[in-house]
Amino acid sequence: MKTTKKDGSLRFFGIPKMIPMVLRFKKEVAIISLTALASGVLDLFGPLFNRYALNHFVTEGTLDTLPQFIGLYLLMLALIGITAYINIKVQIATEVTMNRDMRNDAFSHLQELSFDYYSSNSVG
């Protein structure tokens, strides 16, 4: 697959060249995807809690299930916070490690080039 256009720019912003690098981090990408999905699913429960609170506590004027409601609501908020924390922590660690690996790969590639390359191209 050719990844550059005739003008030398990268097709699809160079994303196809990043795929081999991302494949090194399959576990981290899976964790990031799952925590993002879990956080999104948990966010869907917010309006349901609001609907229940309005229909049950306000409209019906009863507080019979208020302790359970508060407990479940706090649990939902805690789970959203935990999944967001894990997601961000893994994203940051993966980004830093991937940047390091990319720099090391680029430096290794530069070390393997012939002296003719440096004579004919401005580097630095």
N, C-alpha and C. Protein backbone atom coordinates (compact mmCIF):
# COMPACT_ATOMS: atom_id res chain seq x y z
N MET A 1 0.84 -1.18 0.00
CA MET A 1 0.00 0.00 0.00
C MET A 1 0.88 1.24 0.00
N LYS A 2 0.63 2.11 -0.95
CA LYS A 2 1.41 3.33 -1.04
C LYS A 2 0.80 4.37 -0.10
N THR A 3 1.64 4.95 0.75
CA THR A 3 1.10 5.86 1.77
C THR A 3 1.38 7.33 1.46
N THR A 4 2.11 7.61 0.39
CA THR A 4 2.39 9.01 0.05
C THR A 4 1.75 9.37 -1.28
N LYS A 5 1.39 10.63 -1.41
CA LYS A 5 0.84 11.14 -2.67
C LYS A 5 2.01 11.58 -3.54
N LYS A 6 1.70 12.01 -4.76
CA LYS A 6 2.74 12.45 -5.69
C LYS A 6 3.47 13.68 -5.17
N ASP A 7 2.77 14.51 -4.39
CA ASP A 7 3.41 15.73 -3.87
C ASP A 7 4.24 15.45 -2.61
N GLY A 8 4.29 14.20 -2.15
CA GLY A 8 5.11 13.84 -1.00
C GLY A 8 4.38 13.87 0.32
N SER A 9 3.14 14.37 0.33
CA SER A 9 2.39 14.41 1.59
C SER A 9 1.82 13.02 1.89
N LEU A 10 1.51 12.78 3.14
CA LEU A 10 1.02 11.47 3.57
C LEU A 10 -0.48 11.34 3.32
N ARG A 11 -0.87 10.19 2.80
CA ARG A 11 -2.30 9.91 2.63
C ARG A 11 -2.91 9.63 4.01
N PHE A 12 -4.13 10.04 4.17
CA PHE A 12 -4.88 9.81 5.41
C PHE A 12 -4.08 10.26 6.63
N PHE A 13 -3.35 11.35 6.48
CA PHE A 13 -2.60 11.98 7.57
C PHE A 13 -1.55 11.06 8.19
N GLY A 14 -1.11 10.04 7.46
CA GLY A 14 -0.08 9.14 7.95
C GLY A 14 -0.58 8.07 8.90
N ILE A 15 -1.89 7.97 9.05
CA ILE A 15 -2.45 6.97 9.97
C ILE A 15 -2.06 5.55 9.59
N PRO A 16 -2.06 5.18 8.29
CA PRO A 16 -1.64 3.80 7.96
C PRO A 16 -0.21 3.48 8.41
N LYS A 17 0.65 4.48 8.46
CA LYS A 17 2.01 4.24 8.95
C LYS A 17 2.04 4.04 10.47
N MET A 18 1.00 4.48 11.15
CA MET A 18 0.93 4.34 12.61
C MET A 18 0.38 2.98 13.03
N ILE A 19 -0.29 2.27 12.14
CA ILE A 19 -0.94 1.01 12.52
C ILE A 19 0.05 0.01 13.11
N PRO A 20 1.23 -0.22 12.52
CA PRO A 20 2.16 -1.16 13.15
C PRO A 20 2.58 -0.72 14.56
N MET A 21 2.68 0.58 14.77
CA MET A 21 3.05 1.08 16.09
C MET A 21 1.91 0.83 17.08
N VAL A 22 0.69 1.05 16.66
CA VAL A 22 -0.46 0.86 17.54
C VAL A 22 -0.64 -0.62 17.87
N LEU A 23 -0.32 -1.49 16.92
CA LEU A 23 -0.48 -2.93 17.16
C LEU A 23 0.45 -3.44 18.26
N ARG A 24 1.48 -2.70 18.58
CA ARG A 24 2.36 -3.06 19.70
C ARG A 24 1.64 -2.90 21.03
N PHE A 25 0.58 -2.12 21.04
CA PHE A 25 -0.12 -1.77 22.27
C PHE A 25 -1.56 -2.28 22.25
N LYS A 26 -1.74 -3.53 21.85
CA LYS A 26 -3.09 -4.10 21.74
C LYS A 26 -3.82 -4.09 23.08
N LYS A 27 -3.12 -4.48 24.15
CA LYS A 27 -3.75 -4.54 25.47
C LYS A 27 -4.20 -3.16 25.92
N GLU A 28 -3.34 -2.16 25.74
CA GLU A 28 -3.67 -0.80 26.16
C GLU A 28 -4.84 -0.24 25.35
N VAL A 29 -4.84 -0.50 24.04
CA VAL A 29 -5.93 -0.02 23.19
C VAL A 29 -7.24 -0.69 23.60
N ALA A 30 -7.18 -1.98 23.96
CA ALA A 30 -8.39 -2.67 24.42
C ALA A 30 -8.90 -2.05 25.72
N ILE A 31 -8.00 -1.76 26.65
CA ILE A 31 -8.41 -1.15 27.92
C ILE A 31 -9.01 0.23 27.68
N ILE A 32 -8.37 1.02 26.83
CA ILE A 32 -8.89 2.36 26.52
C ILE A 32 -10.27 2.26 25.90
N SER A 33 -10.45 1.34 24.96
CA SER A 33 -11.75 1.18 24.29
C SER A 33 -12.83 0.72 25.27
N LEU A 34 -12.50 -0.26 26.09
CA LEU A 34 -13.49 -0.78 27.03
C LEU A 34 -13.88 0.24 28.09
N THR A 35 -12.91 0.98 28.61
CA THR A 35 -13.26 1.98 29.63
C THR A 35 -14.04 3.14 29.02
N ALA A 36 -13.72 3.49 27.79
CA ALA A 36 -14.50 4.55 27.12
C ALA A 36 -15.93 4.08 26.88
N LEU A 37 -16.08 2.84 26.46
CA LEU A 37 -17.41 2.28 26.25
C LEU A 37 -18.18 2.21 27.56
N ALA A 38 -17.53 1.73 28.61
CA ALA A 38 -18.19 1.63 29.92
C ALA A 38 -18.61 3.01 30.43
N SER A 39 -17.73 3.98 30.26
CA SER A 39 -18.07 5.33 30.71
C SER A 39 -19.25 5.89 29.92
N GLY A 40 -19.27 5.63 28.63
CA GLY A 40 -20.39 6.08 27.81
C GLY A 40 -21.70 5.43 28.19
N VAL A 41 -21.66 4.13 28.46
CA VAL A 41 -22.87 3.42 28.87
C VAL A 41 -23.35 3.95 30.22
N LEU A 42 -22.43 4.17 31.14
CA LEU A 42 -22.81 4.69 32.45
C LEU A 42 -23.40 6.10 32.33
N ASP A 43 -22.89 6.89 31.39
CA ASP A 43 -23.44 8.23 31.18
C ASP A 43 -24.89 8.19 30.72
N LEU A 44 -25.27 7.12 30.06
CA LEU A 44 -26.66 7.00 29.60
C LEU A 44 -27.64 6.87 30.76
N PHE A 45 -27.17 6.42 31.91
CA PHE A 45 -28.06 6.24 33.06
C PHE A 45 -28.42 7.56 33.75
N GLY A 46 -27.67 8.62 33.51
CA GLY A 46 -27.95 9.91 34.14
C GLY A 46 -29.38 10.40 33.89
N PRO A 47 -29.79 10.49 32.62
CA PRO A 47 -31.17 10.93 32.36
C PRO A 47 -32.23 9.99 32.93
N LEU A 48 -31.91 8.70 32.99
CA LEU A 48 -32.87 7.76 33.58
C LEU A 48 -33.05 8.02 35.07
N PHE A 49 -31.96 8.32 35.75
CA PHE A 49 -32.04 8.67 37.17
C PHE A 49 -32.85 9.96 37.35
N ASN A 50 -32.61 10.94 36.48
CA ASN A 50 -33.36 12.20 36.57
C ASN A 50 -34.84 11.97 36.35
N ARG A 51 -35.17 11.14 35.36
CA ARG A 51 -36.58 10.85 35.08
C ARG A 51 -37.24 10.17 36.28
N TYR A 52 -36.54 9.20 36.86
CA TYR A 52 -37.09 8.51 38.02
C TYR A 52 -37.30 9.49 39.19
N ALA A 53 -36.29 10.34 39.41
CA ALA A 53 -36.40 11.29 40.53
C ALA A 53 -37.58 12.23 40.32
N LEU A 54 -37.76 12.74 39.12
CA LEU A 54 -38.87 13.66 38.86
C LEU A 54 -40.21 12.95 38.95
N ASN A 55 -40.30 11.78 38.35
CA ASN A 55 -41.58 11.07 38.35
C ASN A 55 -41.94 10.54 39.74
N HIS A 56 -40.98 10.02 40.45
CA HIS A 56 -41.28 9.37 41.72
C HIS A 56 -41.29 10.35 42.90
N PHE A 57 -40.22 11.10 43.03
CA PHE A 57 -40.09 11.97 44.21
C PHE A 57 -40.89 13.26 44.09
N VAL A 58 -40.90 13.85 42.91
CA VAL A 58 -41.59 15.13 42.76
C VAL A 58 -43.06 14.93 42.45
N THR A 59 -43.33 14.16 41.38
CA THR A 59 -44.73 14.00 40.96
C THR A 59 -45.56 13.25 42.00
N GLU A 60 -45.02 12.12 42.46
CA GLU A 60 -45.77 11.32 43.44
C GLU A 60 -45.62 11.86 44.86
N GLY A 61 -44.62 12.68 45.10
CA GLY A 61 -44.45 13.29 46.42
C GLY A 61 -44.06 12.31 47.51
N THR A 62 -43.33 11.29 47.18
CA THR A 62 -42.93 10.29 48.17
C THR A 62 -41.41 10.17 48.20
N LEU A 63 -40.88 9.86 49.38
CA LEU A 63 -39.44 9.70 49.53
C LEU A 63 -39.08 8.29 50.00
N ASP A 64 -39.93 7.33 49.69
CA ASP A 64 -39.75 5.98 50.21
C ASP A 64 -38.48 5.29 49.69
N THR A 65 -38.04 5.58 48.49
CA THR A 65 -36.85 4.92 47.92
C THR A 65 -35.65 5.88 47.82
N LEU A 66 -35.70 6.96 48.55
CA LEU A 66 -34.63 7.95 48.46
C LEU A 66 -33.26 7.40 48.87
N PRO A 67 -33.11 6.65 49.95
CA PRO A 67 -31.78 6.12 50.30
C PRO A 67 -31.19 5.21 49.22
N GLN A 68 -32.02 4.33 48.65
CA GLN A 68 -31.54 3.46 47.59
C GLN A 68 -31.17 4.26 46.34
N PHE A 69 -31.99 5.27 46.05
CA PHE A 69 -31.72 6.13 44.89
C PHE A 69 -30.39 6.85 45.06
N ILE A 70 -30.15 7.41 46.22
CA ILE A 70 -28.90 8.12 46.48
C ILE A 70 -27.72 7.16 46.38
N GLY A 71 -27.87 5.97 46.96
CA GLY A 71 -26.79 4.98 46.90
C GLY A 71 -26.46 4.58 45.48
N LEU A 72 -27.47 4.28 44.68
CA LEU A 72 -27.24 3.90 43.28
C LEU A 72 -26.66 5.05 42.47
N TYR A 73 -27.14 6.26 42.74
CA TYR A 73 -26.64 7.42 42.02
C TYR A 73 -25.16 7.67 42.34
N LEU A 74 -24.81 7.57 43.61
CA LEU A 74 -23.41 7.74 44.00
C LEU A 74 -22.53 6.62 43.44
N LEU A 75 -23.06 5.41 43.39
CA LEU A 75 -22.33 4.29 42.79
C LEU A 75 -22.08 4.55 41.30
N MET A 76 -23.11 5.04 40.62
CA MET A 76 -22.96 5.35 39.20
C MET A 76 -21.88 6.44 39.00
N LEU A 77 -21.92 7.47 39.81
CA LEU A 77 -20.93 8.54 39.69
C LEU A 77 -19.52 8.03 39.98
N ALA A 78 -19.40 7.17 40.98
CA ALA A 78 -18.09 6.60 41.30
C ALA A 78 -17.57 5.74 40.16
N LEU A 79 -18.43 4.93 39.57
CA LEU A 79 -18.02 4.09 38.44
C LEU A 79 -17.61 4.93 37.23
N ILE A 80 -18.33 6.02 36.98
CA ILE A 80 -17.95 6.92 35.89
C ILE A 80 -16.58 7.51 36.17
N GLY A 81 -16.34 7.93 37.40
CA GLY A 81 -15.04 8.50 37.76
C GLY A 81 -13.91 7.49 37.65
N ILE A 82 -14.16 6.26 38.09
CA ILE A 82 -13.13 5.23 38.02
C ILE A 82 -12.79 4.89 36.58
N THR A 83 -13.82 4.71 35.74
CA THR A 83 -13.54 4.37 34.35
C THR A 83 -12.83 5.52 33.63
N ALA A 84 -13.22 6.75 33.93
CA ALA A 84 -12.54 7.90 33.31
C ALA A 84 -11.08 7.97 33.77
N TYR A 85 -10.85 7.74 35.05
CA TYR A 85 -9.48 7.77 35.58
C TYR A 85 -8.61 6.71 34.91
N ILE A 86 -9.12 5.48 34.83
CA ILE A 86 -8.34 4.40 34.21
C ILE A 86 -8.09 4.73 32.74
N ASN A 87 -9.11 5.21 32.06
CA ASN A 87 -8.97 5.55 30.65
C ASN A 87 -7.88 6.59 30.44
N ILE A 88 -7.93 7.66 31.20
CA ILE A 88 -6.95 8.74 31.03
C ILE A 88 -5.55 8.28 31.41
N LYS A 89 -5.44 7.52 32.50
CA LYS A 89 -4.13 7.03 32.94
C LYS A 89 -3.48 6.14 31.88
N VAL A 90 -4.26 5.22 31.31
CA VAL A 90 -3.72 4.32 30.29
C VAL A 90 -3.41 5.09 29.00
N GLN A 91 -4.26 6.06 28.65
CA GLN A 91 -3.99 6.87 27.46
C GLN A 91 -2.68 7.63 27.59
N ILE A 92 -2.46 8.25 28.72
CA ILE A 92 -1.24 9.03 28.92
C ILE A 92 -0.01 8.13 28.88
N ALA A 93 -0.08 6.99 29.58
CA ALA A 93 1.06 6.07 29.59
C ALA A 93 1.35 5.53 28.19
N THR A 94 0.30 5.22 27.45
CA THR A 94 0.48 4.71 26.08
C THR A 94 1.06 5.77 25.17
N GLU A 95 0.58 7.00 25.31
CA GLU A 95 1.10 8.09 24.48
C GLU A 95 2.59 8.30 24.73
N VAL A 96 2.98 8.34 25.99
CA VAL A 96 4.38 8.58 26.33
C VAL A 96 5.26 7.44 25.81
N THR A 97 4.80 6.21 26.02
CA THR A 97 5.58 5.06 25.56
C THR A 97 5.65 5.01 24.04
N MET A 98 4.54 5.30 23.37
CA MET A 98 4.54 5.30 21.91
C MET A 98 5.44 6.39 21.36
N ASN A 99 5.41 7.57 21.96
CA ASN A 99 6.32 8.65 21.53
C ASN A 99 7.77 8.23 21.69
N ARG A 100 8.10 7.60 22.80
CA ARG A 100 9.46 7.13 23.02
C ARG A 100 9.87 6.10 21.98
N ASP A 101 8.98 5.16 21.72
CA ASP A 101 9.28 4.13 20.72
C ASP A 101 9.46 4.72 19.32
N MET A 102 8.63 5.69 18.99
CA MET A 102 8.74 6.33 17.67
C MET A 102 10.06 7.08 17.54
N ARG A 103 10.46 7.80 18.59
CA ARG A 103 11.74 8.50 18.56
C ARG A 103 12.90 7.51 18.43
N ASN A 104 12.84 6.42 19.19
CA ASN A 104 13.90 5.41 19.12
C ASN A 104 13.96 4.78 17.74
N ASP A 105 12.80 4.47 17.14
CA ASP A 105 12.77 3.89 15.80
C ASP A 105 13.35 4.87 14.78
N ALA A 106 12.96 6.15 14.89
CA ALA A 106 13.48 7.14 13.94
C ALA A 106 14.99 7.31 14.10
N PHE A 107 15.46 7.34 15.33
CA PHE A 107 16.90 7.47 15.56
C PHE A 107 17.65 6.26 15.02
N SER A 108 17.12 5.07 15.25
CA SER A 108 17.75 3.85 14.73
C SER A 108 17.79 3.87 13.22
N HIS A 109 16.71 4.35 12.60
CA HIS A 109 16.68 4.44 11.14
C HIS A 109 17.74 5.42 10.63
N LEU A 110 17.87 6.56 11.31
CA LEU A 110 18.89 7.53 10.90
C LEU A 110 20.29 6.95 11.05
N GLN A 111 20.50 6.12 12.05
CA GLN A 111 21.80 5.51 12.25
C GLN A 111 22.14 4.51 11.16
N GLU A 112 21.13 3.92 10.54
CA GLU A 112 21.35 2.91 9.51
C GLU A 112 21.56 3.51 8.13
N LEU A 113 21.27 4.80 7.95
CA LEU A 113 21.42 5.42 6.63
C LEU A 113 22.89 5.59 6.29
N SER A 114 23.15 5.60 4.99
CA SER A 114 24.54 5.75 4.54
C SER A 114 24.99 7.20 4.67
N PHE A 115 26.31 7.41 4.60
CA PHE A 115 26.85 8.77 4.68
C PHE A 115 26.45 9.59 3.46
N ASP A 116 26.18 8.94 2.33
CA ASP A 116 25.74 9.66 1.14
C ASP A 116 24.41 10.38 1.39
N TYR A 117 23.56 9.78 2.19
CA TYR A 117 22.28 10.41 2.51
C TYR A 117 22.52 11.74 3.20
N TYR A 118 23.42 11.76 4.15
CA TYR A 118 23.70 12.98 4.90
C TYR A 118 24.42 14.01 4.05
N SER A 119 25.17 13.56 3.06
CA SER A 119 25.87 14.48 2.17
C SER A 119 24.90 15.18 1.22
N SER A 120 23.86 14.45 0.80
CA SER A 120 22.93 15.03 -0.18
C SER A 120 21.69 15.65 0.45
N ASN A 121 21.43 15.41 1.72
CA ASN A 121 20.23 15.96 2.38
C ASN A 121 20.63 16.74 3.62
N SER A 122 19.93 17.86 3.80
CA SER A 122 20.15 18.67 4.99
C SER A 122 19.42 18.01 6.16
N VAL A 123 20.14 17.69 7.21
CA VAL A 123 19.56 17.01 8.36
C VAL A 123 19.83 17.86 9.59
N GLY A 124 18.83 17.91 10.48
CA GLY A 124 19.05 18.61 11.73
C GLY A 124 18.25 19.81 11.81
